């Protein structure tokens, strides 16, 4: 799974400070990468993307929990 970065969605820290509200609005349309010295240091994502990320993390945690429960309940004698 790769991540492509649109050059229009890159912003220097100094530019971000000057117009943070604009970039926060832009983040709703897709990730905005904050650069410091030419290197990505932060990623802004919109609230919808953040909620989807939380849902995926909760689902992953639930799947892991269920997997551990099912594995721990199997006894070798039952096989």
Protein backbone atom coordinates (compact mmCIF):
# COMPACT_ATOMS: atom_id res chain seq x y z
CA UNK A 1 0.00 0.00 0.00
CA UNK A 2 1.69 3.17 -1.17
CA UNK A 3 1.01 6.78 -0.52
CA UNK A 4 1.16 9.30 -3.31
CA UNK A 5 1.76 12.90 -2.40
CA UNK A 6 0.26 15.58 -4.63
CA UNK A 7 2.70 18.50 -4.80
CA UNK A 8 -0.26 20.89 -4.41
CA UNK A 9 -0.91 19.37 -0.99
CA UNK A 10 2.56 20.09 0.38
CA UNK A 11 2.96 23.15 2.58
CA UNK A 12 5.96 24.55 4.42
CA UNK A 13 5.60 25.13 8.15
CA UNK A 14 5.96 28.88 7.62
CA UNK A 15 3.16 28.89 5.02
CA UNK A 16 0.97 26.81 7.28
CA UNK A 17 1.42 29.29 10.13
CA UNK A 18 0.42 32.19 7.90
CA UNK A 19 -2.88 30.60 6.80
CA UNK A 20 -3.66 27.63 9.04
CA UNK A 21 -7.44 27.94 8.53
CA UNK A 22 -7.06 27.46 4.78
CA UNK A 23 -4.97 24.33 5.20
CA UNK A 24 -7.31 22.89 7.80
CA UNK A 25 -10.15 23.33 5.31
CA UNK A 26 -7.99 21.75 2.57
CA UNK A 27 -7.44 18.71 4.79
CA UNK A 28 -11.14 17.85 4.49
CA UNK A 29 -10.57 17.14 0.77
CA UNK A 30 -7.48 15.00 1.35
CA UNK A 31 -4.28 14.83 3.36
CA UNK A 32 -2.07 17.90 3.59
CA UNK A 33 1.61 17.30 4.26
CA UNK A 34 3.46 19.81 6.43
CA UNK A 35 7.13 20.14 5.50
CA UNK A 36 10.01 21.27 7.63
CA UNK A 37 13.31 21.73 5.78
CA UNK A 38 11.82 19.90 2.79
CA UNK A 39 10.90 16.77 4.74
CA UNK A 40 7.31 15.78 5.65
CA UNK A 41 6.93 16.16 9.42
CA UNK A 42 3.15 16.06 9.84
CA UNK A 43 0.01 15.13 7.95
CA UNK A 44 -3.31 16.90 8.35
CA UNK A 45 -6.39 14.81 7.66
CA UNK A 46 -10.03 15.80 7.73
CA UNK A 47 -12.49 14.77 10.41
CA UNK A 48 -14.21 12.21 8.18
CA UNK A 49 -10.88 10.53 7.37
CA UNK A 50 -9.96 10.59 11.06
CA UNK A 51 -13.25 8.95 12.06
CA UNK A 52 -12.75 6.27 9.39
CA UNK A 53 -9.25 5.66 10.75
CA UNK A 54 -10.62 5.25 14.28
CA UNK A 55 -13.29 2.83 13.01
CA UNK A 56 -10.65 0.75 11.22
CA UNK A 57 -8.47 0.68 14.35
CA UNK A 58 -11.43 -0.44 16.47
CA UNK A 59 -12.31 -3.14 13.95
CA UNK A 60 -8.70 -4.37 13.88
CA UNK A 61 -8.64 -4.50 17.69
CA UNK A 62 -11.91 -6.46 17.74
CA UNK A 63 -10.62 -8.93 15.14
CA UNK A 64 -7.39 -9.41 17.10
CA UNK A 65 -9.38 -10.00 20.30
CA UNK A 66 -11.61 -12.57 18.61
CA UNK A 67 -8.62 -14.33 17.07
CA UNK A 68 -6.91 -14.63 20.45
CA UNK A 69 -10.09 -15.96 22.05
CA UNK A 70 -10.65 -18.58 19.37
CA UNK A 71 -7.03 -19.72 19.44
CA UNK A 72 -6.88 -19.93 23.22
CA UNK A 73 -10.05 -22.06 23.44
CA UNK A 74 -8.79 -24.80 21.11
CA UNK A 75 -7.28 -27.72 22.94
CA UNK A 76 -4.95 -30.14 21.18
CA UNK A 77 -7.12 -33.07 22.30
CA UNK A 78 -10.01 -31.55 20.34
CA UNK A 79 -8.08 -31.76 17.06
